[in-house]
PDB file of N, CA and C in Angstrom:
ATOM      1  N   MET A   1       0.894  -1.300   0.063  1.00  0.00           N
ATOM      2  CA  MET A   1       0.057   0.117  -0.037  1.00  0.00           C
ATOM      3  C   MET A   1       0.886   1.236   0.038  1.00  0.00           C
ATOM      4  N   ILE A   2       0.546   2.245  -0.777  1.00  0.00           N
ATOM      5  CA  ILE A   2       1.505   3.614  -1.003  1.00  0.00           C
ATOM      6  C   ILE A   2       0.543   4.338   0.387  1.00  0.00           C
ATOM      7  N   ARG A   3       1.786   5.110   0.853  1.00  0.00           N
ATOM      8  CA  ARG A   3       1.333   5.917   1.891  1.00  0.00           C
ATOM      9  C   ARG A   3       0.340   7.306   1.255  1.00  0.00           C
ATOM     10  N   ASN A   4      -0.285   7.494   2.232  1.00  0.00           N
ATOM     11  CA  ASN A   4      -1.491   8.701   1.760  1.00  0.00           C
ATOM     12  C   ASN A   4      -0.685   9.852   0.776  1.00  0.00           C
ATOM     13  N   MET A   5      -1.163   9.591  -0.148  1.00  0.00           N
ATOM     14  CA  MET A   5      -0.797  10.456  -1.448  1.00  0.00           C
ATOM     15  C   MET A   5      -1.003  11.718  -1.356  1.00  0.00           C
ATOM     16  N   GLU A   6      -2.196  12.253  -0.518  1.00  0.00           N
ATOM     17  CA  GLU A   6      -2.555  13.525  -0.836  1.00  0.00           C
ATOM     18  C   GLU A   6      -1.885  14.439   0.236  1.00  0.00           C
ATOM     19  N   THR A   7      -0.918  13.570   1.216  1.00  0.00           N
ATOM     20  CA  THR A   7      -0.221  14.349   2.284  1.00  0.00           C
ATOM     21  C   THR A   7       1.015  14.992   1.666  1.00  0.00           C
ATOM     22  N   CYS A   8       1.640  14.624   0.199  1.00  0.00           N
ATOM     23  CA  CYS A   8       2.775  15.195  -0.165  1.00  0.00           C
ATOM     24  C   CYS A   8       2.674  16.563  -0.461  1.00  0.00           C
ATOM     25  N   ASP A   9       3.754  16.752  -0.774  1.00  0.00           N
ATOM     26  CA  ASP A   9       3.972  18.512  -1.036  1.00  0.00           C
ATOM     27  C   ASP A   9       3.341  18.971  -2.139  1.00  0.00           C
ATOM     28  N   TRP A  10       3.028  18.157  -3.401  1.00  0.00           N
ATOM     29  CA  TRP A  10       2.370  18.428  -4.423  1.00  0.00           C
ATOM     30  C   TRP A  10       0.695  18.137  -4.565  1.00  0.00           C
ATOM     31  N   GLN A  11      -0.142  18.555  -5.191  1.00  0.00           N
ATOM     32  CA  GLN A  11      -1.113  18.344  -5.172  1.00  0.00           C
ATOM     33  C   GLN A  11      -1.979  17.748  -6.434  1.00  0.00           C
ATOM     34  N   VAL A  12      -2.492  16.590  -6.536  1.00  0.00           N
ATOM     35  CA  VAL A  12      -3.232  16.188  -7.624  1.00  0.00           C
ATOM     36  C   VAL A  12      -4.805  15.993  -7.492  1.00  0.00           C
ATOM     37  N   SER A  13      -5.240  17.217  -7.283  1.00  0.00           N
ATOM     38  CA  SER A  13      -6.454  17.354  -6.709  1.00  0.00           C
ATOM     39  C   SER A  13      -7.715  16.962  -7.499  1.00  0.00           C
ATOM     40  N   ARG A  14      -7.514  16.563  -8.678  1.00  0.00           N
ATOM     41  CA  ARG A  14      -8.846  16.341  -9.393  1.00  0.00           C
ATOM     42  C   ARG A  14      -8.816  14.558  -9.414  1.00  0.00           C
ATOM     43  N   ILE A  15      -7.772  13.973  -8.832  1.00  0.00           N
ATOM     44  CA  ILE A  15      -7.963  12.389  -8.759  1.00  0.00           C
ATOM     45  C   ILE A  15      -7.835  12.298  -7.299  1.00  0.00           C
ATOM     46  N   ASP A  16      -8.972  11.327  -6.767  1.00  0.00           N
ATOM     47  CA  ASP A  16      -9.235  11.049  -5.458  1.00  0.00           C
ATOM     48  C   ASP A  16      -8.129  10.194  -4.964  1.00  0.00           C
ATOM     49  N   GLU A  17      -8.070   9.849  -3.572  1.00  0.00           N
ATOM     50  CA  GLU A  17      -6.924   9.089  -3.036  1.00  0.00           C
ATOM     51  C   GLU A  17      -7.015   7.577  -3.696  1.00  0.00           C
ATOM     52  N   ALA A  18      -8.332   7.015  -3.686  1.00  0.00           N
ATOM     53  CA  ALA A  18      -8.510   5.823  -4.214  1.00  0.00           C
ATOM     54  C   ALA A  18      -7.992   5.591  -5.699  1.00  0.00           C
ATOM     55  N   GLY A  19      -8.092   6.754  -6.483  1.00  0.00           N
ATOM     56  CA  GLY A  19      -7.659   6.782  -8.094  1.00  0.00           C
ATOM     57  C   GLY A  19      -5.929   6.812  -8.199  1.00  0.00           C
ATOM     58  N   LEU A  20      -5.309   7.412  -6.998  1.00  0.00           N
ATOM     59  CA  LEU A  20      -4.127   7.578  -6.865  1.00  0.00           C
ATOM     60  C   LEU A  20      -3.555   6.298  -6.545  1.00  0.00           C
ATOM     61  N   GLN A  21      -3.953   5.666  -5.345  1.00  0.00           N
ATOM     62  CA  GLN A  21      -3.671   4.320  -5.242  1.00  0.00           C
ATOM     63  C   GLN A  21      -3.695   3.358  -6.330  1.00  0.00           C
ATOM     64  N   GLN A  22      -4.723   3.328  -7.238  1.00  0.00           N
ATOM     65  CA  GLN A  22      -4.628   2.547  -8.392  1.00  0.00           C
ATOM     66  C   GLN A  22      -3.467   2.782  -9.448  1.00  0.00           C
ATOM     67  N   ILE A  23      -3.377   3.953  -9.633  1.00  0.00           N
ATOM     68  CA  ILE A  23      -2.200   4.487 -10.545  1.00  0.00           C
ATOM     69  C   ILE A  23      -0.922   3.972 -10.151  1.00  0.00           C
ATOM     70  N   ALA A  24      -0.873   4.380  -8.689  1.00  0.00           N
ATOM     71  CA  ALA A  24       0.532   3.796  -8.035  1.00  0.00           C
ATOM     72  C   ALA A  24       0.493   2.321  -7.933  1.00  0.00           C
ATOM     73  N   ILE A  25      -0.255   1.507  -7.759  1.00  0.00           N
ATOM     74  CA  ILE A  25      -0.045   0.023  -7.686  1.00  0.00           C
ATOM     75  C   ILE A  25       0.084  -0.402  -9.355  1.00  0.00           C
ATOM     76  N   TYR A  26      -0.552   0.167 -10.333  1.00  0.00           N
ATOM     77  CA  TYR A  26      -0.400  -0.170 -11.494  1.00  0.00           C
ATOM     78  C   TYR A  26       1.037   0.185 -11.852  1.00  0.00           C
ATOM     79  N   LEU A  27       1.713   1.123 -11.691  1.00  0.00           N
ATOM     80  CA  LEU A  27       2.930   1.803 -11.863  1.00  0.00           C
ATOM     81  C   LEU A  27       4.013   0.606 -10.910  1.00  0.00           C
ATOM     82  N   GLN A  28       3.841   0.457  -9.913  1.00  0.00           N
ATOM     83  CA  GLN A  28       4.513  -0.653  -9.281  1.00  0.00           C
ATOM     84  C   GLN A  28       4.800  -1.851  -9.908  1.00  0.00           C
ATOM     85  N   SER A  29       3.732  -2.208 -10.586  1.00  0.00           N
ATOM     86  CA  SER A  29       3.999  -3.595 -11.350  1.00  0.00           C
ATOM     87  C   SER A  29       4.605  -3.516 -12.699  1.00  0.00           C
ATOM     88  N   LEU A  30       4.553  -2.257 -13.104  1.00  0.00           N
ATOM     89  CA  LEU A  30       5.433  -2.099 -14.287  1.00  0.00           C
ATOM     90  C   LEU A  30       7.003  -1.998 -13.818  1.00  0.00           C
ATOM     91  N   ILE A  31       7.161  -1.076 -12.762  1.00  0.00           N
ATOM     92  CA  ILE A  31       8.710  -1.054 -12.308  1.00  0.00           C
ATOM     93  C   ILE A  31       9.149  -2.482 -12.218  1.00  0.00           C
ATOM     94  N   ALA A  32       8.173  -3.318 -11.465  1.00  0.00           N
ATOM     95  CA  ALA A  32       8.861  -4.496 -11.193  1.00  0.00           C
ATOM     96  C   ALA A  32       9.642  -5.133 -12.308  1.00  0.00           C
ATOM     97  N   ASN A  33       9.268  -5.151 -13.467  1.00  0.00           N
ATOM     98  CA  ASN A  33       9.648  -5.478 -15.052  1.00  0.00           C
ATOM     99  C   ASN A  33      11.174  -5.157 -15.055  1.00  0.00           C
ATOM    100  N   HIS A  34      11.521  -4.043 -14.577  1.00  0.00           N
ATOM    101  CA  HIS A  34      12.801  -3.558 -14.755  1.00  0.00           C
ATOM    102  C   HIS A  34      14.170  -4.074 -13.920  1.00  0.00           C
ATOM    103  N   GLU A  35      15.177  -4.529 -14.406  1.00  0.00           N
ATOM    104  CA  GLU A  35      16.310  -5.171 -13.821  1.00  0.00           C
ATOM    105  C   GLU A  35      16.823  -4.258 -12.887  1.00  0.00           C
ATOM    106  N   ILE A  36      17.631  -4.735 -11.999  1.00  0.00           N
ATOM    107  CA  ILE A  36      18.663  -3.646 -11.027  1.00  0.00           C
ATOM    108  C   ILE A  36      19.741  -3.296 -12.187  1.00  0.00           C
ATOM    109  N   GLY A  37      19.932  -1.888 -11.916  1.00  0.00           N
ATOM    110  CA  GLY A  37      20.790  -1.091 -12.740  1.00  0.00           C
ATOM    111  C   GLY A  37      20.063  -0.613 -14.031  1.00  0.00           C
ATOM    112  N   GLU A  38      18.856  -0.942 -14.480  1.00  0.00           N
ATOM    113  CA  GLU A  38      18.281  -0.492 -15.773  1.00  0.00           C
ATOM    114  C   GLU A  38      17.799   0.569 -15.811  1.00  0.00           C
ATOM    115  N   TRP A  39      17.983   2.002 -16.312  1.00  0.00           N
ATOM    116  CA  TRP A  39      17.274   3.198 -16.377  1.00  0.00           C
ATOM    117  C   TRP A  39      16.137   3.317 -16.748  1.00  0.00           C
ATOM    118  N   PHE A  40      15.200   3.833 -16.530  1.00  0.00           N
ATOM    119  CA  PHE A  40      13.763   4.118 -17.063  1.00  0.00           C
ATOM    120  C   PHE A  40      13.176   5.220 -16.755  1.00  0.00           C
ATOM    121  N   THR A  41      12.357   5.678 -17.564  1.00  0.00           N
ATOM    122  CA  THR A  41      11.539   6.999 -17.284  1.00  0.00           C
ATOM    123  C   THR A  41      10.117   6.640 -17.434  1.00  0.00           C
ATOM    124  N   ALA A  42       9.189   7.561 -16.905  1.00  0.00           N
ATOM    125  CA  ALA A  42       7.853   7.431 -16.823  1.00  0.00           C
ATOM    126  C   ALA A  42       7.223   6.818 -18.373  1.00  0.00           C
ATOM    127  N   ARG A  43       7.901   7.564 -19.362  1.00  0.00           N
ATOM    128  CA  ARG A  43       7.530   7.006 -20.474  1.00  0.00           C
ATOM    129  C   ARG A  43       7.757   5.667 -21.047  1.00  0.00           C
ATOM    130  N   ASP A  44       9.186   5.285 -20.584  1.00  0.00           N
ATOM    131  CA  ASP A  44       9.407   3.856 -20.748  1.00  0.00           C
ATOM    132  C   ASP A  44       8.533   2.986 -20.035  1.00  0.00           C
ATOM    133  N   LEU A  45       7.752   3.381 -18.884  1.00  0.00           N
ATOM    134  CA  LEU A  45       6.847   2.382 -18.145  1.00  0.00           C
ATOM    135  C   LEU A  45       5.573   2.215 -18.996  1.00  0.00           C
ATOM    136  N   VAL A  46       4.992   3.512 -19.276  1.00  0.00           N
ATOM    137  CA  VAL A  46       3.489   3.522 -19.855  1.00  0.00           C
ATOM    138  C   VAL A  46       3.705   3.913 -21.412  1.00  0.00           C
ATOM    139  N   GLY A  47       4.518   4.047 -21.928  1.00  0.00           N
ATOM    140  CA  GLY A  47       4.465   4.641 -23.292  1.00  0.00           C
ATOM    141  C   GLY A  47       4.318   5.938 -23.612  1.00  0.00           C
ATOM    142  N   ARG A  48       4.820   6.313 -24.751  1.00  0.00           N
ATOM    143  CA  ARG A  48       4.846   7.829 -25.141  1.00  0.00           C
ATOM    144  C   ARG A  48       3.060   8.373 -25.499  1.00  0.00           C
ATOM    145  N   ASN A  49       2.430   7.581 -26.037  1.00  0.00           N
ATOM    146  CA  ASN A  49       1.277   7.914 -26.428  1.00  0.00           C
ATOM    147  C   ASN A  49      -0.010   8.260 -25.609  1.00  0.00           C
ATOM    148  N   GLN A  50      -0.315   9.179 -25.042  1.00  0.00           N
ATOM    149  CA  GLN A  50      -1.315   9.571 -24.120  1.00  0.00           C
ATOM    150  C   GLN A  50      -2.799   8.823 -24.526  1.00  0.00           C
ATOM    151  N   ILE A  51      -3.089   8.489 -26.180  1.00  0.00           N
ATOM    152  CA  ILE A  51      -4.015   8.138 -26.450  1.00  0.00           C
ATOM    153  C   ILE A  51      -4.246   6.711 -25.895  1.00  0.00           C
ATOM    154  N   GLU A  52      -3.251   5.836 -25.980  1.00  0.00           N
ATOM    155  CA  GLU A  52      -3.045   4.628 -25.251  1.00  0.00           C
ATOM    156  C   GLU A  52      -3.401   4.402 -23.732  1.00  0.00           C
ATOM    157  N   TRP A  53      -3.105   5.646 -23.211  1.00  0.00           N
ATOM    158  CA  TRP A  53      -3.371   5.849 -21.776  1.00  0.00           C
ATOM    159  C   TRP A  53      -4.742   6.035 -21.446  1.00  0.00           C
ATOM    160  N   ALA A  54      -5.674   6.628 -22.356  1.00  0.00           N
ATOM    161  CA  ALA A  54      -6.935   6.678 -22.173  1.00  0.00           C
ATOM    162  C   ALA A  54      -7.629   5.509 -22.271  1.00  0.00           C
ATOM    163  N   ASN A  55      -6.990   4.487 -22.675  1.00  0.00           N
ATOM    164  CA  ASN A  55      -7.352   2.908 -22.842  1.00  0.00           C
ATOM    165  C   ASN A  55      -6.906   2.020 -21.909  1.00  0.00           C
ATOM    166  N   THR A  56      -6.116   2.538 -21.063  1.00  0.00           N
ATOM    167  CA  THR A  56      -5.294   1.793 -19.996  1.00  0.00           C
ATOM    168  C   THR A  56      -5.884   2.113 -18.856  1.00  0.00           C
ATOM    169  N   PRO A  57      -6.842   1.534 -17.981  1.00  0.00           N
ATOM    170  CA  PRO A  57      -6.924   1.719 -16.439  1.00  0.00           C
ATOM    171  C   PRO A  57      -5.879   1.433 -15.790  1.00  0.00           C
ATOM    172  N   PRO A  58      -5.429   2.118 -14.626  1.00  0.00           N
ATOM    173  CA  PRO A  58      -5.974   3.059 -14.153  1.00  0.00           C
ATOM    174  C   PRO A  58      -5.632   4.401 -14.779  1.00  0.00           C
ATOM    175  N   LEU A  59      -4.584   4.479 -15.840  1.00  0.00           N
ATOM    176  CA  LEU A  59      -3.914   5.841 -16.307  1.00  0.00           C
ATOM    177  C   LEU A  59      -5.117   6.425 -16.911  1.00  0.00           C
ATOM    178  N   ASN A  60      -6.082   5.970 -17.267  1.00  0.00           N
ATOM    179  CA  ASN A  60      -7.128   6.854 -17.863  1.00  0.00           C
ATOM    180  C   ASN A  60      -7.734   7.597 -16.892  1.00  0.00           C
ATOM    181  N   LEU A  61      -7.445   7.495 -15.801  1.00  0.00           N
ATOM    182  CA  LEU A  61      -7.975   8.722 -14.588  1.00  0.00           C
ATOM    183  C   LEU A  61      -7.182   9.817 -14.733  1.00  0.00           C
ATOM    184  N   ILE A  62      -5.932   9.830 -15.206  1.00  0.00           N
ATOM    185  CA  ILE A  62      -5.120  10.956 -15.543  1.00  0.00           C
ATOM    186  C   ILE A  62      -5.660  11.584 -16.724  1.00  0.00           C
ATOM    187  N   THR A  63      -6.005  10.957 -17.777  1.00  0.00           N
ATOM    188  CA  THR A  63      -6.518  11.600 -19.092  1.00  0.00           C
ATOM    189  C   THR A  63      -8.087  12.002 -18.966  1.00  0.00           C
ATOM    190  N   ILE A  64      -8.624  11.371 -18.123  1.00  0.00           N
ATOM    191  CA  ILE A  64      -9.989  11.803 -17.892  1.00  0.00           C
ATOM    192  C   ILE A  64     -10.264  13.206 -17.100  1.00  0.00           C
ATOM    193  N   HIS A  65      -9.278  13.532 -16.149  1.00  0.00           N
ATOM    194  CA  HIS A  65      -9.226  14.443 -15.224  1.00  0.00           C
ATOM    195  C   HIS A  65      -8.440  15.774 -15.601  1.00  0.00           C
ATOM    196  N   TYR A  66      -7.521  15.471 -16.519  1.00  0.00           N
ATOM    197  CA  TYR A  66      -6.551  16.481 -16.932  1.00  0.00           C
ATOM    198  C   TYR A  66      -6.408  16.470 -18.789  1.00  0.00           C
ATOM    199  N   SER A  67      -6.883  17.647 -19.136  1.00  0.00           N
ATOM    200  CA  SER A  67      -7.150  17.454 -20.694  1.00  0.00           C
ATOM    201  C   SER A  67      -5.714  17.677 -21.733  1.00  0.00           C
ATOM    202  N   SER A  68      -4.955  18.680 -20.954  1.00  0.00           N
ATOM    203  CA  SER A  68      -3.578  18.923 -21.421  1.00  0.00           C
ATOM    204  C   SER A  68      -2.536  17.850 -21.188  1.00  0.00           C
ATOM    205  N   GLN A  69      -1.850  17.597 -22.596  1.00  0.00           N
ATOM    206  CA  GLN A  69      -1.024  16.434 -22.562  1.00  0.00           C
ATOM    207  C   GLN A  69      -0.054  16.831 -21.740  1.00  0.00           C
ATOM    208  N   SER A  70       0.594  18.054 -21.925  1.00  0.00           N
ATOM    209  CA  SER A  70       1.454  18.501 -20.843  1.00  0.00           C
ATOM    210  C   SER A  70       1.371  18.164 -19.331  1.00  0.00           C
ATOM    211  N   THR A  71       0.338  18.691 -18.685  1.00  0.00           N
ATOM    212  CA  THR A  71      -0.390  18.381 -17.719  1.00  0.00           C
ATOM    213  C   THR A  71      -0.316  17.053 -17.503  1.00  0.00           C
ATOM    214  N   GLN A  72      -0.911  16.060 -18.287  1.00  0.00           N
ATOM    215  CA  GLN A  72      -0.748  14.674 -18.053  1.00  0.00           C
ATOM    216  C   GLN A  72       0.368  14.013 -17.794  1.00  0.00           C
ATOM    217  N   LYS A  73       1.073  14.612 -18.585  1.00  0.00           N
ATOM    218  CA  LYS A  73       2.850  13.998 -18.343  1.00  0.00           C
ATOM    219  C   LYS A  73       3.165  14.517 -17.074  1.00  0.00           C
ATOM    220  N   THR A  74       3.015  15.663 -16.564  1.00  0.00           N
ATOM    221  CA  THR A  74       3.658  16.124 -15.020  1.00  0.00           C
ATOM    222  C   THR A  74       2.933  15.306 -14.105  1.00  0.00           C
ATOM    223  N   ILE A  75       1.677  15.029 -14.452  1.00  0.00           N
ATOM    224  CA  ILE A  75       0.671  14.268 -13.198  1.00  0.00           C
ATOM    225  C   ILE A  75       1.416  12.869 -13.187  1.00  0.00           C
ATOM    226  N   LEU A  76       1.495  12.253 -13.998  1.00  0.00           N
ATOM    227  CA  LEU A  76       2.066  11.012 -14.130  1.00  0.00           C
ATOM    228  C   LEU A  76       3.496  10.849 -13.468  1.00  0.00           C
ATOM    229  N   GLY A  77       4.170  11.643 -13.961  1.00  0.00           N
ATOM    230  CA  GLY A  77       5.652  12.283 -13.324  1.00  0.00           C
ATOM    231  C   GLY A  77       5.766  12.245 -11.925  1.00  0.00           C
ATOM    232  N   LYS A  78       4.806  13.023 -11.460  1.00  0.00           N
ATOM    233  CA  LYS A  78       4.589  13.482  -9.752  1.00  0.00           C
ATOM    234  C   LYS A  78       4.256  11.947  -9.097  1.00  0.00           C
ATOM    235  N   ILE A  79       3.340  10.952  -9.688  1.00  0.00           N
ATOM    236  CA  ILE A  79       2.767   9.970  -9.253  1.00  0.00           C
ATOM    237  C   ILE A  79       3.808   9.123  -9.200  1.00  0.00           C
ATOM    238  N   LEU A  80       4.704   8.802 -10.203  1.00  0.00           N
ATOM    239  CA  LEU A  80       5.856   7.704 -10.220  1.00  0.00           C
ATOM    240  C   LEU A  80       6.817   8.425  -9.290  1.00  0.00           C
ATOM    241  N   LYS A  81       7.070   9.550  -9.194  1.00  0.00           N
ATOM    242  CA  LYS A  81       8.290   9.851  -8.302  1.00  0.00           C
ATOM    243  C   LYS A  81       7.565   9.421  -6.879  1.00  0.00           C
ATOM    244  N   LYS A  82       6.449   9.708  -6.649  1.00  0.00           N
ATOM    245  CA  LYS A  82       5.912   9.536  -4.987  1.00  0.00           C
ATOM    246  C   LYS A  82       5.974   7.983  -5.134  1.00  0.00           C
ATOM    247  N   THR A  83       5.561   7.335  -5.888  1.00  0.00           N
ATOM    248  CA  THR A  83       5.207   5.631  -5.791  1.00  0.00           C
ATOM    249  C   THR A  83       6.773   5.278  -5.665  1.00  0.00           C
ATOM    250  N   ILE A  84       7.835   5.625  -6.461  1.00  0.00           N
ATOM    251  CA  ILE A  84       9.146   5.412  -6.196  1.00  0.00           C
ATOM    252  C   ILE A  84       9.639   5.473  -4.895  1.00  0.00           C
ATOM    253  N   PHE A  85       9.404   6.730  -4.297  1.00  0.00           N
ATOM    254  CA  PHE A  85      10.004   6.798  -3.161  1.00  0.00           C
ATOM    255  C   PHE A  85       9.042   6.298  -1.693  1.00  0.00           C
ATOM    256  N   ASP A  86       8.047   5.660  -2.160  1.00  0.00           N
ATOM    257  CA  ASP A  86       7.440   5.013  -1.092  1.00  0.00           C
ATOM    258  C   ASP A  86       7.596   3.388  -1.337  1.00  0.00           C
ATOM    259  N   LEU A  87       8.562   2.886  -2.069  1.00  0.00           N
ATOM    260  CA  LEU A  87       8.865   1.760  -2.417  1.00  0.00           C
ATOM    261  C   LEU A  87       9.871   1.339  -1.211  1.00  0.00           C
ATOM    262  N   PRO A  88       9.928   0.230  -0.859  1.00  0.00           N
ATOM    263  CA  PRO A  88      10.740  -0.516   0.318  1.00  0.00           C
ATOM    264  C   PRO A  88      12.180  -0.812  -0.403  1.00  0.00           C
ATOM    265  N   ILE A  89      12.347  -0.441  -1.922  1.00  0.00           N
ATOM    266  CA  ILE A  89      13.692  -0.800  -2.554  1.00  0.00           C
ATOM    267  C   ILE A  89      14.542   0.936  -2.803  1.00  0.00           C
ATOM    268  N   ILE A  90      15.630   0.751  -2.980  1.00  0.00           N
ATOM    269  CA  ILE A  90      16.569   1.995  -3.365  1.00  0.00           C
ATOM    270  C   ILE A  90      16.474   2.156  -4.558  1.00  0.00           C
ATOM    271  N   TYR A  91      16.257   3.219  -5.074  1.00  0.00           N
ATOM    272  CA  TYR A  91      16.188   3.920  -6.466  1.00  0.00           C
ATOM    273  C   TYR A  91      16.923   4.959  -6.809  1.00  0.00           C
ATOM    274  N   GLU A  92      17.878   5.274  -7.520  1.00  0.00           N
ATOM    275  CA  GLU A  92      18.710   6.348  -7.902  1.00  0.00           C
ATOM    276  C   GLU A  92      17.998   7.244  -8.959  1.00  0.00           C
ATOM    277  N   LEU A  93      17.976   8.362  -8.717  1.00  0.00           N
ATOM    278  CA  LEU A  93      17.259   9.382  -9.738  1.00  0.00           C
ATOM    279  C   LEU A  93      18.243  10.073 -10.357  1.00  0.00           C
ATOM    280  N   ASN A  94      18.122  10.278 -11.739  1.00  0.00           N
ATOM    281  CA  ASN A  94      18.909  11.263 -12.477  1.00  0.00           C
ATOM    282  C   ASN A  94      18.257  12.184 -13.200  1.00  0.00           C
ATOM    283  N   MET A  95      18.145  13.842 -12.990  1.00  0.00           N
ATOM    284  CA  MET A  95      17.644  14.584 -13.573  1.00  0.00           C
ATOM    285  C   MET A  95      18.215  15.108 -14.610  1.00  0.00           C
ATOM    286  N   ASP A  96      18.000  14.675 -15.868  1.00  0.00           N
ATOM    287  CA  ASP A  96      18.670  15.083 -17.266  1.00  0.00           C
ATOM    288  C   ASP A  96      17.469  15.645 -18.125  1.00  0.00           C
ATOM    289  N   PHE A  97      17.079  16.590 -17.892  1.00  0.00           N
ATOM    290  CA  PHE A  97      15.821  17.259 -18.540  1.00  0.00           C
ATOM    291  C   PHE A  97      14.602  16.348 -18.512  1.00  0.00           C
ATOM    292  N   VAL A  98      14.783  14.945 -18.398  1.00  0.00           N
ATOM    293  CA  VAL A  98      13.735  14.016 -17.892  1.00  0.00           C
ATOM    294  C   VAL A  98      13.895  12.903 -16.814  1.00  0.00           C
ATOM    295  N   ALA A  99      13.123  12.977 -15.872  1.00  0.00           N
ATOM    296  CA  ALA A  99      13.513  12.236 -14.732  1.00  0.00           C
ATOM    297  C   ALA A  99      13.893  10.457 -15.138  1.00  0.00           C
ATOM    298  N   HIS A 100      15.370  10.115 -14.800  1.00  0.00           N
ATOM    299  CA  HIS A 100      15.536   8.980 -15.028  1.00  0.00           C
ATOM    300  C   HIS A 100      15.777   7.988 -13.743  1.00  0.00           C
ATOM    301  N   TYR A 101      15.236   6.923 -13.294  1.00  0.00           N
ATOM    302  CA  TYR A 101      15.402   6.211 -12.404  1.00  0.00           C
ATOM    303  C   TYR A 101      15.951   4.833 -12.534  1.00  0.00           C
ATOM    304  N   ARG A 102      16.359   4.196 -11.514  1.00  0.00           N
ATOM    305  CA  ARG A 102      17.147   2.858 -11.804  1.00  0.00           C
ATOM    306  C   ARG A 102      17.040   2.393 -10.465  1.00  0.00           C
ATOM    307  N   ARG A 103      16.830   0.883 -10.269  1.00  0.00           N
ATOM    308  CA  ARG A 103      17.042   0.445  -8.917  1.00  0.00           C
ATOM    309  C   ARG A 103      18.315   0.217  -8.739  1.00  0.00           C
ATOM    310  N   LEU A 104      18.592   0.218  -7.265  1.00  0.00           N
ATOM    311  CA  LEU A 104      20.052  -0.137  -6.904  1.00  0.00           C
ATOM    312  C   LEU A 104      19.786  -1.474  -6.213  1.00  0.00           C
ATOM    313  N   GLU A 105      20.898  -2.072  -5.817  1.00  0.00           N
ATOM    314  CA  GLU A 105      20.955  -3.354  -5.373  1.00  0.00           C
ATOM    315  C   GLU A 105      20.417  -3.298  -3.802  1.00  0.00           C
TER     316      GLU A 105
END
């Protein structure tokens, strides 16, 4: 279970706590497919095409509540970052225009 996502320093006000939890759990399942030391971004996990997000529960919650593609990417990135920091596994973050993550041993 992801810790209360509404208490973090950013607000994703249009998606309720249950929806945020669903997205976080979905992202966790995608993160689990990456090997130790392999870098990945949010786009690597869910794809670049937000039209596909609209057809992928629970990612469709983002596209339903936020119409701007730029905002959709930002919201996904914020949820991913919160999800990763709540995992009991250590991840490295590299900010080079886009956030890259990788699992450390």
